[in-house]
Amino acid sequence: MRDVLASVRDWYTSGERFALATVIGTFRSAPRRPGATMAVAADGTVVGSVSGGCVEGDVYAVAEEVIRSGVPVVRRYGISDDAGFAVGLTCGGILDVLVEPVDQTSYPEFATIADAIQSAHPTAVATIVTPGPQLGHRLAIQPPPLNLTSTSSSAVLGGWPGVSSGGGFGDPGLDAAVVADAWGMLDSGSSGIREYGPHGECGRREVAVFVQVLAPPPRMFVFGAIDFAAAVARVGKFLGYHVTVCDARAVFATRARFPEADEVVVDWPHRFLAGALDTVDHRTVMCVLTHDPKFDVPLLEVALRTDAGYIGAMGSRRTHEDRLTRLRAAGLSEAELARMSSPTGLDLGARTPEETAISIAAEIIASRTAATARPLSTTTGRIHGAPHPDPVALGPDPQTPHPEPAVLGPDPQPRRPERHVAVAEAYEPVRA
């Protein structure tokens, strides 16, 4: 929701109703992940996207009806061999989309959620997506100090492990089960569908709840205020990172040289990082561009012992070997050293700062997605896949006689051409 927040917040504040379309489940080669959003205003203005352009036209039409009726709808878009060409996913995937009305009456907690997103406070929004009278009922969840609000009650819920029976989804057991799962999903940063019994029982499937995780942007730390760092900061910001540039030299670490960065810090890199460890998690990226052992070694001693998802260091092969020797002498283990990507970046033949920044960004993306980083023209199988599929939100295509596992890799046999249409059957979560 972050990418559409500025527009929808203005619509909400003005008092007008708009429709919010959210991807709640995917399977196979769907182009967007759960949580992708598209919003449609009453005047027809559109922001955001739920696919690569395959189904936006139909979602727009559904959104117009939802604005008129005030009733939420779940639509599935998939493939069919029996109908003519129409709207659908040409990639052959399945996409489940929740389209819900939003205004100050139907969604009173939206302003609070928007404030949390704006202030980078982790928040999850759990919405019932099972067809029936509870479709669209939601619960907003934040980590401790716990603060829950719900459309089914004006009560403020709090106090773990129990929640007030007067709020939430109308059942304290279901509320508690969803809150517990949402906390774990906030920690992992993943959105998806979870299923429960009417009272929150595990292993039951009567109630499907989509939990959308609205986590703060991941952090990118760029150490070394050089021209390459300016290019890396620009690309990092473009990719959605909260970018911090740090250098001990005040003459180089200036806002004028790094206008795209969220923060420019003048401090010794290792000292700054040691004081910022509470902001580092598995999504954090660190780019060590200082290229000087008096900065690199003490910094990497700290960095390689954090939970950061990517730690790259710039330098030649000789610099890399010297760096390893110094780090071993400083007491780092081989396992810790193995976490460092050095020299940083993919082999693109990069020369300029901008080319080098793209090389580094490409390796960061490949590291995060566990992709091969090979040219797509030399690979087979689905382009968009899920290396770690959600066991509930992802699953076999219900129309396929012989279900295929949701894994990356080549198709087991050639497939005949398929024609693509929107599948508007009764909604049921795609299950493993």
Protein backbone atom coordinates (compact mmCIF):
# COMPACT_ATOMS: atom_id res chain seq x y z
CA MET A 1 0.00 0.00 0.00
CA ARG A 2 2.98 2.27 0.50
CA ASP A 3 3.25 3.13 -3.22
CA VAL A 4 -0.34 4.43 -3.39
CA LEU A 5 -0.51 5.94 0.09
CA ALA A 6 -0.10 9.61 -0.84
CA SER A 7 -3.02 9.54 -3.28
CA VAL A 8 -5.43 7.40 -1.27
CA ARG A 9 -4.79 9.38 1.89
CA ASP A 10 -5.93 12.55 0.11
CA TRP A 11 -9.04 10.76 -1.16
CA TYR A 12 -9.82 9.45 2.31
CA THR A 13 -9.33 12.85 3.96
CA SER A 14 -11.66 14.50 1.42
CA GLY A 15 -14.43 12.13 2.50
CA GLU A 16 -14.89 10.40 -0.86
CA ARG A 17 -15.21 6.66 -1.26
CA PHE A 18 -12.62 4.80 -3.30
CA ALA A 19 -11.88 1.16 -4.07
CA LEU A 20 -8.73 -0.59 -2.94
CA ALA A 21 -7.72 -3.73 -4.88
CA THR A 22 -5.15 -5.98 -3.21
CA VAL A 23 -3.47 -9.16 -4.44
CA ILE A 24 -4.24 -11.72 -1.72
CA GLY A 25 -2.99 -14.93 -3.32
CA THR A 26 -0.87 -16.08 -6.26
CA PHE A 27 0.18 -19.34 -7.88
CA ARG A 28 2.70 -20.18 -10.57
CA SER A 29 3.86 -17.29 -12.74
CA ALA A 30 1.78 -14.44 -11.30
CA PRO A 31 3.48 -11.08 -11.97
CA ARG A 32 2.91 -9.43 -8.57
CA ARG A 33 3.27 -10.70 -5.02
CA PRO A 34 0.55 -10.76 -2.33
CA GLY A 35 0.08 -7.26 -0.97
CA ALA A 36 0.40 -5.43 -4.31
CA THR A 37 -2.30 -2.76 -4.48
CA MET A 38 -4.22 -0.67 -6.96
CA ALA A 39 -6.67 2.07 -5.98
CA VAL A 40 -9.49 3.61 -8.01
CA ALA A 41 -11.07 6.95 -7.07
CA ALA A 42 -14.69 7.91 -7.60
CA ASP A 43 -13.63 10.13 -10.52
CA GLY A 44 -11.86 7.21 -12.21
CA THR A 45 -8.30 8.09 -11.23
CA VAL A 46 -6.08 5.01 -10.87
CA VAL A 47 -2.87 4.57 -8.89
CA GLY A 48 -0.86 1.39 -8.39
CA SER A 49 -1.04 -2.00 -10.07
CA VAL A 50 -2.00 -5.59 -9.27
CA SER A 51 -0.40 -7.25 -12.30
CA GLY A 52 1.79 -6.47 -15.25
CA GLY A 53 -1.19 -4.97 -17.05
CA CYS A 54 -2.95 -8.28 -17.69
CA VAL A 55 -6.05 -7.79 -15.53
CA GLU A 56 -6.10 -4.11 -14.58
CA GLY A 57 -8.97 -3.37 -16.99
CA ASP A 58 -11.28 -5.88 -15.35
CA VAL A 59 -10.17 -4.91 -11.84
CA TYR A 60 -11.00 -1.30 -12.75
CA ALA A 61 -14.53 -2.31 -13.76
CA VAL A 62 -14.98 -4.31 -10.54
CA ALA A 63 -13.68 -1.35 -8.54
CA GLU A 64 -16.24 0.98 -10.10
CA GLU A 65 -19.03 -1.39 -9.03
CA VAL A 66 -17.58 -1.71 -5.52
CA ILE A 67 -17.53 2.09 -5.20
CA ARG A 68 -21.20 2.19 -6.18
CA SER A 69 -22.36 -0.75 -4.04
CA GLY A 70 -20.07 -0.47 -1.04
CA VAL A 71 -19.76 -4.27 -1.04
CA PRO A 72 -16.31 -5.96 -1.16
CA VAL A 73 -15.59 -8.56 -3.85
CA VAL A 74 -12.93 -11.24 -4.32
CA ARG A 75 -12.06 -12.14 -7.91
CA ARG A 76 -9.79 -14.85 -9.26
CA TYR A 77 -7.95 -14.39 -12.54
CA GLY A 78 -6.54 -17.47 -14.20
CA ILE A 79 -6.57 -19.56 -17.36
CA SER A 80 -9.07 -21.61 -19.29
CA ASP A 81 -8.75 -23.71 -22.45
CA ASP A 82 -12.45 -23.61 -23.26
CA ALA A 83 -13.19 -19.94 -23.84
CA GLY A 84 -12.06 -17.29 -26.27
CA PHE A 85 -9.44 -14.65 -25.65
CA ALA A 86 -10.38 -12.26 -22.87
CA VAL A 87 -8.83 -10.64 -19.86
CA GLY A 88 -6.46 -12.94 -18.02
CA LEU A 89 -2.92 -13.78 -17.08
CA THR A 90 -0.91 -14.47 -20.22
CA CYS A 91 1.84 -15.83 -17.99
CA GLY A 92 -0.39 -18.79 -17.05
CA GLY A 93 -0.65 -18.01 -13.35
CA ILE A 94 -3.47 -17.48 -10.91
CA LEU A 95 -4.13 -14.19 -9.15
CA ASP A 96 -6.68 -13.65 -6.37
CA VAL A 97 -7.68 -10.02 -5.83
CA LEU A 98 -9.73 -8.47 -3.03
CA VAL A 99 -11.52 -5.27 -4.07
CA GLU A 100 -12.96 -3.38 -1.09
CA PRO A 101 -14.63 -0.01 -0.57
CA VAL A 102 -12.79 2.50 1.59
CA ASP A 103 -14.27 5.61 3.17
CA GLN A 104 -14.44 7.18 6.60
CA THR A 105 -17.52 5.15 7.55
CA SER A 106 -16.57 1.69 6.27
CA TYR A 107 -12.89 1.91 7.19
CA PRO A 108 -12.55 4.23 10.23
CA GLU A 109 -9.12 2.86 11.18
CA PHE A 110 -7.59 3.67 7.78
CA ALA A 111 -6.18 7.00 9.00
CA THR A 112 -4.41 5.25 11.88
CA ILE A 113 -2.97 2.65 9.52
CA ALA A 114 -1.83 5.37 7.10
CA ASP A 115 -0.13 7.21 9.96
CA ALA A 116 1.68 4.01 10.97
CA ILE A 117 2.89 3.43 7.40
CA GLN A 118 4.00 7.05 7.09
CA SER A 119 5.92 6.88 10.38
CA ALA A 120 7.52 3.53 9.42
CA HIS A 121 5.85 1.69 12.31
CA PRO A 122 5.33 -2.02 11.48
CA THR A 123 1.64 -2.76 10.96
CA ALA A 124 -0.40 -5.68 9.66
CA VAL A 125 -3.97 -5.58 8.37
CA ALA A 126 -5.88 -8.86 8.61
CA THR A 127 -8.99 -9.13 6.42
CA ILE A 128 -11.49 -11.99 6.16
CA VAL A 129 -11.65 -13.05 2.50
CA THR A 130 -14.07 -15.98 2.85
CA PRO A 131 -17.31 -15.32 0.92
CA GLY A 132 -20.17 -14.53 3.26
CA PRO A 133 -21.33 -11.87 5.68
CA GLN A 134 -17.87 -11.44 7.22
CA LEU A 135 -16.10 -10.79 3.92
CA GLY A 136 -14.08 -7.60 4.30
CA HIS A 137 -14.08 -7.50 8.10
CA ARG A 138 -10.63 -6.47 9.20
CA LEU A 139 -8.29 -6.15 12.13
CA ALA A 140 -5.26 -3.82 12.33
CA ILE A 141 -2.33 -5.21 14.28
CA GLN A 142 0.84 -3.59 15.56
CA PRO A 143 3.66 -5.12 17.61
CA PRO A 144 3.88 -4.25 21.31
CA PRO A 145 2.75 -1.89 22.60
CA LEU A 146 -0.28 -3.66 21.17
CA ASN A 147 -2.91 -1.48 19.55
CA LEU A 148 -5.72 -3.18 17.68
CA THR A 149 -8.78 -1.66 16.07
CA SER A 150 -11.52 -3.26 14.02
CA THR A 151 -14.38 -2.34 11.71
CA SER A 152 -16.68 -4.68 13.65
CA SER A 153 -16.32 -2.64 16.83
CA SER A 154 -15.18 0.79 17.89
CA ALA A 155 -13.45 -0.76 20.88
CA VAL A 156 -9.69 -0.60 21.18
CA LEU A 157 -8.36 -4.09 21.77
CA GLY A 158 -5.26 -4.85 23.77
CA GLY A 159 -3.62 -7.08 26.31
CA TRP A 160 -1.92 -10.22 25.06
CA PRO A 161 -2.57 -13.16 25.25
CA GLY A 162 -6.31 -12.33 25.26
CA VAL A 163 -8.30 -9.72 23.36
CA SER A 164 -11.61 -8.12 24.18
CA SER A 165 -14.60 -10.20 23.12
CA GLY A 166 -16.31 -7.00 22.02
CA GLY A 167 -13.93 -6.32 19.14
CA GLY A 168 -11.98 -7.89 16.35
CA PHE A 169 -13.76 -10.45 14.21
CA GLY A 170 -16.38 -11.09 16.87
CA ASP A 171 -14.68 -14.10 18.43
CA PRO A 172 -11.81 -13.75 20.92
CA GLY A 173 -10.28 -17.08 19.89
CA LEU A 174 -10.16 -16.07 16.23
CA ASP A 175 -8.79 -12.64 17.14
CA ALA A 176 -6.01 -14.17 19.25
CA ALA A 177 -5.05 -16.72 16.58
CA VAL A 178 -4.84 -14.06 13.86
CA VAL A 179 -2.83 -11.71 16.09
CA ALA A 180 -0.34 -14.47 16.90
CA ASP A 181 0.15 -15.32 13.22
CA ALA A 182 0.36 -11.65 12.26
CA TRP A 183 3.17 -11.05 14.74
CA GLY A 184 5.19 -13.82 13.13
CA MET A 185 4.46 -12.50 9.65
CA LEU A 186 5.51 -9.00 10.68
CA ASP A 187 8.81 -10.48 11.81
CA SER A 188 9.35 -12.27 8.49
CA GLY A 189 7.97 -9.44 6.36
CA SER A 190 5.66 -11.76 4.40
CA SER A 191 1.99 -11.27 3.49
CA GLY A 192 -0.37 -14.17 2.82
CA ILE A 193 -3.53 -16.08 3.64
CA ARG A 194 -4.02 -18.03 6.86
CA GLU A 195 -6.99 -20.29 7.55
CA TYR A 196 -8.78 -21.07 10.80
CA GLY A 197 -11.85 -22.58 12.34
CA PRO A 198 -14.66 -20.23 13.43
CA HIS A 199 -13.03 -19.82 16.84
CA GLY A 200 -9.43 -19.67 15.61
CA GLU A 201 -8.79 -23.42 15.58
CA CYS A 202 -5.63 -24.48 13.76
CA GLY A 203 -5.96 -27.03 10.97
CA ARG A 204 -9.45 -25.81 10.01
CA ARG A 205 -10.40 -23.96 6.83
CA GLU A 206 -13.75 -22.34 7.44
CA VAL A 207 -12.32 -18.82 7.76
CA ALA A 208 -9.66 -17.50 5.36
CA VAL A 209 -7.84 -14.37 6.51
CA PHE A 210 -5.44 -12.36 4.37
CA VAL A 211 -2.71 -10.77 6.48
CA GLN A 212 -1.06 -7.84 4.71
CA VAL A 213 2.26 -6.87 6.26
CA LEU A 214 3.01 -3.17 6.00
CA ALA A 215 6.59 -3.11 7.20
CA PRO A 216 8.89 -0.08 7.05
CA PRO A 217 11.19 0.12 4.01
CA PRO A 218 14.30 -2.06 4.28
CA ARG A 219 17.53 -0.27 5.15
CA MET A 220 20.50 0.26 2.85
CA PHE A 221 23.73 1.45 4.45
CA VAL A 222 26.29 2.88 2.02
CA PHE A 223 29.71 3.38 3.60
CA GLY A 224 32.16 5.65 1.81
CA ALA A 225 31.12 9.02 0.34
CA ILE A 226 32.57 8.53 -3.14
CA ASP A 227 31.05 8.97 -6.61
CA PHE A 228 30.17 5.27 -6.73
CA ALA A 229 28.29 5.71 -3.45
CA ALA A 230 26.16 8.50 -4.93
CA ALA A 231 25.10 6.19 -7.77
CA VAL A 232 24.40 3.30 -5.37
CA ALA A 233 22.30 5.61 -3.19
CA ARG A 234 20.23 6.68 -6.21
CA VAL A 235 19.58 3.10 -7.29
CA GLY A 236 18.88 2.01 -3.71
CA LYS A 237 16.27 4.72 -3.30
CA PHE A 238 14.72 3.73 -6.64
CA LEU A 239 14.44 0.14 -5.36
CA GLY A 240 12.57 1.29 -2.26
CA TYR A 241 15.30 1.26 0.38
CA HIS A 242 15.73 3.75 3.20
CA VAL A 243 19.24 4.86 2.28
CA THR A 244 21.87 6.03 4.75
CA VAL A 245 25.29 7.24 3.55
CA CYS A 246 28.07 7.30 6.15
CA ASP A 247 31.65 8.56 5.97
CA ALA A 248 34.05 9.94 8.56
CA ARG A 249 35.13 12.75 6.23
CA ALA A 250 32.80 15.74 6.59
CA VAL A 251 34.05 17.35 3.39
CA PHE A 252 32.68 14.40 1.36
CA ALA A 253 29.63 13.34 3.39
CA THR A 254 27.33 16.24 2.51
CA ARG A 255 23.66 16.52 1.63
CA ALA A 256 24.60 18.35 -1.57
CA ARG A 257 26.55 15.32 -2.82
CA PHE A 258 23.86 12.81 -1.79
CA PRO A 259 20.47 14.49 -2.30
CA GLU A 260 18.66 11.17 -2.82
CA ALA A 261 19.80 9.66 0.49
CA ASP A 262 17.44 9.68 3.45
CA GLU A 263 20.34 10.28 5.82
CA VAL A 264 23.92 11.48 5.43
CA VAL A 265 26.01 10.74 8.52
CA VAL A 266 29.47 12.03 9.38
CA ASP A 267 31.02 9.41 11.66
CA TRP A 268 33.47 6.54 11.62
CA PRO A 269 31.52 3.77 9.85
CA HIS A 270 32.15 1.06 12.46
CA ARG A 271 31.14 3.37 15.29
CA PHE A 272 27.98 4.49 13.51
CA LEU A 273 26.96 0.91 12.67
CA ALA A 274 27.58 -0.29 16.22
CA GLY A 275 25.11 2.34 17.38
CA ALA A 276 22.52 1.45 14.74
CA LEU A 277 22.32 -2.32 15.27
CA ASP A 278 18.69 -2.11 16.38
CA THR A 279 17.77 -1.02 12.83
CA VAL A 280 19.48 -4.00 11.16
CA ASP A 281 17.47 -7.06 10.17
CA HIS A 282 17.48 -9.76 7.49
CA ARG A 283 16.27 -7.26 4.87
CA THR A 284 19.15 -4.85 5.48
CA VAL A 285 21.75 -4.25 2.76
CA MET A 286 25.27 -2.96 3.46
CA CYS A 287 27.53 -1.64 0.72
CA VAL A 288 31.11 -1.07 1.90
CA LEU A 289 32.68 1.27 -0.65
CA THR A 290 35.32 2.88 1.58
CA HIS A 291 38.11 0.87 -0.11
CA ASP A 292 40.51 1.64 2.74
CA PRO A 293 41.54 -0.92 5.39
CA LYS A 294 41.43 1.60 8.23
CA PHE A 295 37.69 1.96 7.49
CA ASP A 296 36.89 -1.45 5.97
CA VAL A 297 38.25 -3.82 8.58
CA PRO A 298 36.69 -2.39 11.77
CA LEU A 299 33.43 -1.83 9.88
CA LEU A 300 33.27 -5.38 8.53
CA GLU A 301 34.09 -6.76 11.97
CA VAL A 302 30.76 -5.29 13.08
CA ALA A 303 28.78 -5.84 9.85
CA LEU A 304 29.58 -9.54 9.41
CA ARG A 305 28.23 -10.28 12.89
CA THR A 306 24.82 -8.73 12.19
CA ASP A 307 21.69 -10.26 10.63
CA ALA A 308 22.03 -8.16 7.45
CA GLY A 309 20.81 -9.95 4.34
CA TYR A 310 23.56 -8.66 2.06
CA ILE A 311 27.04 -7.33 2.84
CA GLY A 312 29.13 -6.30 -0.17
CA ALA A 313 32.60 -4.76 -0.22
CA MET A 314 34.20 -2.99 -3.17
CA GLY A 315 37.78 -3.63 -4.23
CA SER A 316 40.11 -5.49 -6.54
CA ARG A 317 41.03 -9.16 -6.15
CA ARG A 318 44.22 -8.12 -4.38
CA THR A 319 42.27 -5.82 -2.06
CA HIS A 320 39.88 -8.64 -1.31
CA GLU A 321 42.67 -11.05 -0.36
CA ASP A 322 44.32 -8.43 1.85
CA ARG A 323 40.94 -7.71 3.46
CA LEU A 324 40.40 -11.40 4.23
CA THR A 325 43.83 -11.66 5.83
CA ARG A 326 43.17 -8.66 8.05
CA LEU A 327 39.70 -9.90 9.04
CA ARG A 328 41.02 -13.35 9.93
CA ALA A 329 43.66 -11.69 12.08
CA ALA A 330 40.87 -9.74 13.77
CA GLY A 331 39.24 -13.02 14.78
CA LEU A 332 36.43 -13.48 12.26
CA SER A 333 35.49 -17.07 11.46
CA GLU A 334 35.33 -18.56 7.97
CA ALA A 335 31.54 -18.75 8.28
CA GLU A 336 31.39 -15.03 9.04
CA LEU A 337 33.74 -14.21 6.17
CA ALA A 338 31.62 -16.29 3.80
CA ARG A 339 28.76 -13.84 4.31
CA MET A 340 30.73 -11.09 2.57
CA SER A 341 30.26 -10.56 -1.17
CA SER A 342 33.63 -9.26 -2.30
CA PRO A 343 34.30 -7.90 -4.84
CA THR A 344 30.71 -6.67 -4.73
CA GLY A 345 28.38 -6.84 -7.74
CA LEU A 346 27.72 -9.08 -10.74
CA ASP A 347 30.15 -9.34 -13.65
CA LEU A 348 28.55 -6.90 -16.09
CA GLY A 349 31.76 -5.28 -17.23
CA ALA A 350 30.73 -2.13 -15.34
CA ARG A 351 33.04 0.88 -15.54
CA THR A 352 31.13 4.02 -14.60
CA PRO A 353 29.61 4.70 -11.17
CA GLU A 354 26.12 4.20 -12.61
CA GLU A 355 27.03 0.88 -14.26
CA THR A 356 28.70 -0.27 -11.06
CA ALA A 357 25.61 0.67 -9.04
CA ILE A 358 23.45 -1.43 -11.36
CA SER A 359 25.89 -4.33 -11.00
CA ILE A 360 25.67 -4.11 -7.20
CA ALA A 361 21.88 -3.72 -7.25
CA ALA A 362 21.54 -6.76 -9.51
CA GLU A 363 23.51 -8.89 -7.05
CA ILE A 364 21.42 -7.59 -4.15
CA ILE A 365 18.21 -8.57 -5.93
CA ALA A 366 19.57 -11.99 -6.89
CA SER A 367 20.72 -12.56 -3.32
CA ARG A 368 17.30 -11.65 -1.93
CA THR A 369 15.35 -13.80 -4.38
CA ALA A 370 17.80 -16.73 -4.53
CA ALA A 371 17.72 -16.39 -8.32
CA THR A 372 20.41 -17.65 -10.72
CA ALA A 373 21.33 -14.17 -12.07
CA ARG A 374 21.66 -15.80 -15.51
CA PRO A 375 20.18 -14.28 -18.70
CA LEU A 376 16.52 -15.33 -18.94
CA SER A 377 17.13 -16.36 -22.54
CA THR A 378 19.42 -19.16 -21.28
CA THR A 379 16.99 -20.52 -18.68
CA THR A 380 13.81 -22.58 -18.84
CA GLY A 381 10.74 -22.79 -16.66
CA ARG A 382 8.61 -20.03 -15.20
CA ILE A 383 10.04 -16.54 -14.98
CA HIS A 384 8.03 -15.45 -11.96
CA GLY A 385 8.13 -18.08 -9.26
CA ALA A 386 8.15 -18.43 -5.51
CA PRO A 387 11.20 -20.19 -4.11
CA HIS A 388 9.47 -20.30 -0.72
CA PRO A 389 5.74 -20.61 -1.52
CA ASP A 390 3.17 -19.85 1.13
CA PRO A 391 1.56 -23.24 1.87
CA VAL A 392 -1.91 -21.69 1.99
CA ALA A 393 -1.82 -18.80 -0.46
CA LEU A 394 -0.02 -20.87 -3.10
CA GLY A 395 -1.04 -24.24 -4.37
CA PRO A 396 -2.04 -26.28 -7.40
CA ASP A 397 -4.22 -24.81 -10.09
CA PRO A 398 -7.71 -26.15 -9.26
CA GLN A 399 -8.43 -26.50 -13.01
CA THR A 400 -5.36 -28.62 -13.74
CA PRO A 401 -6.09 -32.40 -13.65
CA HIS A 402 -2.53 -33.20 -12.55
CA PRO A 403 -1.38 -30.52 -10.08
CA GLU A 404 2.18 -29.30 -10.33
CA PRO A 405 4.22 -28.39 -7.26
CA ALA A 406 4.83 -24.68 -6.74
CA VAL A 407 8.58 -24.82 -7.35
CA LEU A 408 11.03 -23.19 -9.72
CA GLY A 409 12.37 -25.17 -12.62
CA PRO A 410 11.55 -26.38 -16.11
CA ASP A 411 8.13 -27.76 -16.91
CA PRO A 412 8.22 -31.57 -16.83
CA GLN A 413 6.84 -31.75 -20.37
CA PRO A 414 5.89 -29.36 -23.19
CA ARG A 415 2.49 -27.78 -22.75
CA ARG A 416 0.05 -27.04 -25.52
CA PRO A 417 -0.87 -23.37 -26.06
CA GLU A 418 -3.50 -22.05 -23.69
CA ARG A 419 -6.01 -19.28 -24.12
CA HIS A 420 -6.39 -16.90 -21.23
CA VAL A 421 -9.55 -15.62 -19.58
CA ALA A 422 -10.66 -14.29 -16.27
CA VAL A 423 -11.91 -17.04 -14.00
CA ALA A 424 -14.91 -15.75 -12.07
CA GLU A 425 -15.86 -18.88 -10.19
CA ALA A 426 -16.87 -18.90 -6.54
CA TYR A 427 -13.77 -17.88 -4.67
CA GLU A 428 -11.85 -20.36 -2.60
CA PRO A 429 -8.24 -19.84 -1.47
CA VAL A 430 -5.71 -21.69 -3.61
CA ARG A 431 -4.41 -24.46 -1.37
CA ALA A 432 -1.34 -26.60 -1.42
